[in-house]
Amino acid sequence: MLKTKNMTIEVSSPCALLIEKEKGGYTISVTDPEMNKDCTEIRVKINGKSVSCAMPQGRYGGKSTVVFMR
């Protein structure tokens, strides 16, 4: 868990995370840098709101997934 003055962030698995504040929510980019074939999803929780990010598999393992959280 990462806690800053304005934001609390939790993730379900080790990952690289980029969060961009947008009007109406956040654009979240998640990457599994370990390319763990057993990692099929990573849950990201920001300030108590949660979103599931399906992780690319096979030859696309290690690529980013981008989701929008309201």
N, C-alpha and C. Protein backbone atom coordinates (compact mmCIF):
# COMPACT_ATOMS: atom_id res chain seq x y z
N MET A 1 0.85 -1.18 0.00
CA MET A 1 0.00 0.00 0.00
C MET A 1 0.89 1.23 0.00
N LEU A 2 0.49 2.21 -0.80
CA LEU A 2 1.17 3.50 -0.86
C LEU A 2 0.17 4.56 -0.41
N LYS A 3 0.56 5.37 0.53
CA LYS A 3 -0.33 6.41 1.01
C LYS A 3 0.38 7.75 0.89
N THR A 4 -0.25 8.67 0.17
CA THR A 4 0.27 10.02 0.05
C THR A 4 -0.72 10.96 0.74
N LYS A 5 -0.47 12.21 0.68
CA LYS A 5 -1.34 13.19 1.32
C LYS A 5 -2.77 13.11 0.77
N ASN A 6 -2.92 12.89 -0.54
CA ASN A 6 -4.23 12.93 -1.17
C ASN A 6 -4.73 11.59 -1.70
N MET A 7 -3.93 10.53 -1.60
CA MET A 7 -4.30 9.30 -2.28
C MET A 7 -3.74 8.08 -1.55
N THR A 8 -4.56 7.01 -1.49
CA THR A 8 -4.12 5.72 -0.99
C THR A 8 -4.22 4.73 -2.15
N ILE A 9 -3.15 3.99 -2.42
CA ILE A 9 -3.10 3.06 -3.54
C ILE A 9 -2.74 1.67 -3.01
N GLU A 10 -3.50 0.64 -3.44
CA GLU A 10 -3.20 -0.74 -3.11
C GLU A 10 -3.27 -1.56 -4.40
N VAL A 11 -2.41 -2.56 -4.52
CA VAL A 11 -2.45 -3.47 -5.67
C VAL A 11 -2.40 -4.91 -5.16
N SER A 12 -2.96 -5.83 -5.95
CA SER A 12 -3.05 -7.23 -5.53
C SER A 12 -1.77 -8.01 -5.83
N SER A 13 -0.93 -7.53 -6.73
CA SER A 13 0.31 -8.21 -7.12
C SER A 13 1.37 -7.17 -7.44
N PRO A 14 2.64 -7.57 -7.38
CA PRO A 14 3.69 -6.62 -7.78
C PRO A 14 3.46 -6.17 -9.22
N CYS A 15 3.63 -4.88 -9.46
CA CYS A 15 3.40 -4.35 -10.81
C CYS A 15 4.04 -2.98 -10.95
N ALA A 16 4.12 -2.55 -12.20
CA ALA A 16 4.48 -1.16 -12.49
C ALA A 16 3.15 -0.46 -12.76
N LEU A 17 2.96 0.70 -12.17
CA LEU A 17 1.68 1.37 -12.21
C LEU A 17 1.86 2.83 -12.59
N LEU A 18 1.05 3.29 -13.53
CA LEU A 18 1.03 4.70 -13.91
C LEU A 18 -0.40 5.18 -13.74
N ILE A 19 -0.60 6.22 -12.96
CA ILE A 19 -1.93 6.75 -12.71
C ILE A 19 -1.95 8.20 -13.17
N GLU A 20 -2.91 8.50 -14.04
CA GLU A 20 -3.09 9.87 -14.52
C GLU A 20 -4.47 10.35 -14.11
N LYS A 21 -4.51 11.46 -13.37
CA LYS A 21 -5.79 12.03 -12.97
C LYS A 21 -6.41 12.71 -14.18
N GLU A 22 -7.64 12.32 -14.48
CA GLU A 22 -8.40 12.87 -15.60
C GLU A 22 -9.67 13.49 -15.06
N LYS A 23 -10.35 14.23 -15.89
CA LYS A 23 -11.64 14.76 -15.49
C LYS A 23 -12.60 13.58 -15.31
N GLY A 24 -13.14 13.42 -14.13
CA GLY A 24 -14.08 12.35 -13.87
C GLY A 24 -13.49 11.05 -13.38
N GLY A 25 -12.16 10.96 -13.21
CA GLY A 25 -11.57 9.72 -12.71
C GLY A 25 -10.08 9.62 -12.95
N TYR A 26 -9.61 8.39 -13.15
CA TYR A 26 -8.19 8.12 -13.34
C TYR A 26 -7.99 7.17 -14.52
N THR A 27 -6.98 7.43 -15.33
CA THR A 27 -6.53 6.47 -16.32
C THR A 27 -5.38 5.71 -15.66
N ILE A 28 -5.51 4.38 -15.64
CA ILE A 28 -4.54 3.53 -14.94
C ILE A 28 -3.89 2.59 -15.94
N SER A 29 -2.58 2.61 -15.99
CA SER A 29 -1.81 1.71 -16.83
C SER A 29 -1.05 0.75 -15.91
N VAL A 30 -1.25 -0.56 -16.11
CA VAL A 30 -0.67 -1.57 -15.25
C VAL A 30 0.18 -2.53 -16.08
N THR A 31 1.37 -2.86 -15.59
CA THR A 31 2.24 -3.81 -16.26
C THR A 31 2.77 -4.81 -15.23
N ASP A 32 2.82 -6.08 -15.62
CA ASP A 32 3.45 -7.11 -14.81
C ASP A 32 4.87 -7.29 -15.35
N PRO A 33 5.85 -6.58 -14.79
CA PRO A 33 7.21 -6.63 -15.34
C PRO A 33 7.88 -8.00 -15.21
N GLU A 34 7.34 -8.86 -14.34
CA GLU A 34 7.90 -10.20 -14.18
C GLU A 34 7.39 -11.15 -15.25
N MET A 35 6.38 -10.73 -16.03
CA MET A 35 5.75 -11.56 -17.06
C MET A 35 5.36 -12.92 -16.49
N ASN A 36 4.77 -12.90 -15.30
CA ASN A 36 4.33 -14.10 -14.61
C ASN A 36 3.12 -14.68 -15.33
N LYS A 37 3.26 -15.88 -15.90
CA LYS A 37 2.16 -16.49 -16.68
C LYS A 37 0.96 -16.81 -15.81
N ASP A 38 1.14 -16.89 -14.49
CA ASP A 38 0.02 -17.17 -13.58
C ASP A 38 -0.73 -15.90 -13.19
N CYS A 39 -0.21 -14.75 -13.53
CA CYS A 39 -0.86 -13.47 -13.20
C CYS A 39 -1.84 -13.12 -14.32
N THR A 40 -3.12 -13.40 -14.10
CA THR A 40 -4.13 -13.13 -15.12
C THR A 40 -4.87 -11.83 -14.87
N GLU A 41 -4.79 -11.32 -13.64
CA GLU A 41 -5.42 -10.03 -13.33
C GLU A 41 -4.71 -9.38 -12.16
N ILE A 42 -4.74 -8.07 -12.14
CA ILE A 42 -4.23 -7.30 -11.01
C ILE A 42 -5.33 -6.34 -10.61
N ARG A 43 -5.66 -6.35 -9.32
CA ARG A 43 -6.68 -5.44 -8.81
C ARG A 43 -5.97 -4.20 -8.27
N VAL A 44 -6.49 -3.04 -8.65
CA VAL A 44 -5.94 -1.77 -8.21
C VAL A 44 -7.02 -1.06 -7.40
N LYS A 45 -6.66 -0.60 -6.22
CA LYS A 45 -7.60 0.13 -5.37
C LYS A 45 -7.04 1.51 -5.12
N ILE A 46 -7.82 2.52 -5.45
CA ILE A 46 -7.43 3.92 -5.23
C ILE A 46 -8.49 4.57 -4.36
N ASN A 47 -8.07 5.06 -3.21
CA ASN A 47 -8.99 5.73 -2.27
C ASN A 47 -10.25 4.91 -2.02
N GLY A 48 -10.10 3.59 -1.89
CA GLY A 48 -11.23 2.72 -1.57
C GLY A 48 -12.01 2.19 -2.76
N LYS A 49 -11.81 2.75 -3.96
CA LYS A 49 -12.48 2.26 -5.16
C LYS A 49 -11.55 1.27 -5.85
N SER A 50 -12.13 0.18 -6.36
CA SER A 50 -11.33 -0.90 -6.91
C SER A 50 -11.69 -1.17 -8.37
N VAL A 51 -10.67 -1.57 -9.14
CA VAL A 51 -10.88 -1.95 -10.54
C VAL A 51 -10.00 -3.17 -10.83
N SER A 52 -10.51 -4.07 -11.68
CA SER A 52 -9.77 -5.25 -12.07
C SER A 52 -9.12 -5.01 -13.43
N CYS A 53 -7.86 -5.33 -13.56
CA CYS A 53 -7.13 -5.17 -14.81
C CYS A 53 -6.72 -6.55 -15.32
N ALA A 54 -7.31 -6.98 -16.42
CA ALA A 54 -6.95 -8.27 -17.03
C ALA A 54 -5.58 -8.12 -17.66
N MET A 55 -4.66 -9.02 -17.30
CA MET A 55 -3.30 -8.93 -17.79
C MET A 55 -3.13 -9.75 -19.07
N PRO A 56 -2.42 -9.20 -20.06
CA PRO A 56 -2.17 -9.93 -21.31
C PRO A 56 -1.43 -11.24 -21.04
N GLN A 57 -1.74 -12.24 -21.84
CA GLN A 57 -1.15 -13.57 -21.67
C GLN A 57 -0.38 -13.96 -22.92
N GLY A 58 0.34 -15.09 -22.82
CA GLY A 58 1.08 -15.63 -23.96
C GLY A 58 2.16 -14.68 -24.43
N ARG A 59 2.26 -14.52 -25.72
CA ARG A 59 3.32 -13.68 -26.26
C ARG A 59 3.14 -12.20 -25.92
N TYR A 60 1.97 -11.83 -25.41
CA TYR A 60 1.72 -10.44 -25.02
C TYR A 60 2.00 -10.21 -23.54
N GLY A 61 2.43 -11.24 -22.83
CA GLY A 61 2.76 -11.11 -21.41
C GLY A 61 3.80 -10.01 -21.19
N GLY A 62 3.59 -9.21 -20.17
CA GLY A 62 4.50 -8.10 -19.86
C GLY A 62 4.08 -6.78 -20.48
N LYS A 63 3.08 -6.83 -21.38
CA LYS A 63 2.58 -5.58 -21.97
C LYS A 63 1.61 -4.92 -20.99
N SER A 64 1.39 -3.65 -21.18
CA SER A 64 0.51 -2.88 -20.30
C SER A 64 -0.96 -3.10 -20.62
N THR A 65 -1.77 -2.93 -19.59
CA THR A 65 -3.22 -2.88 -19.71
C THR A 65 -3.63 -1.50 -19.22
N VAL A 66 -4.55 -0.87 -19.94
CA VAL A 66 -5.01 0.46 -19.55
C VAL A 66 -6.50 0.39 -19.27
N VAL A 67 -6.91 0.93 -18.11
CA VAL A 67 -8.32 0.98 -17.73
C VAL A 67 -8.63 2.39 -17.23
N PHE A 68 -9.92 2.73 -17.22
CA PHE A 68 -10.35 4.01 -16.68
C PHE A 68 -11.20 3.74 -15.45
N MET A 69 -10.91 4.43 -14.38
CA MET A 69 -11.67 4.29 -13.12
C MET A 69 -12.38 5.60 -12.83
N ARG A 70 -13.67 5.53 -12.64
CA ARG A 70 -14.46 6.72 -12.26
C ARG A 70 -14.46 6.88 -10.78
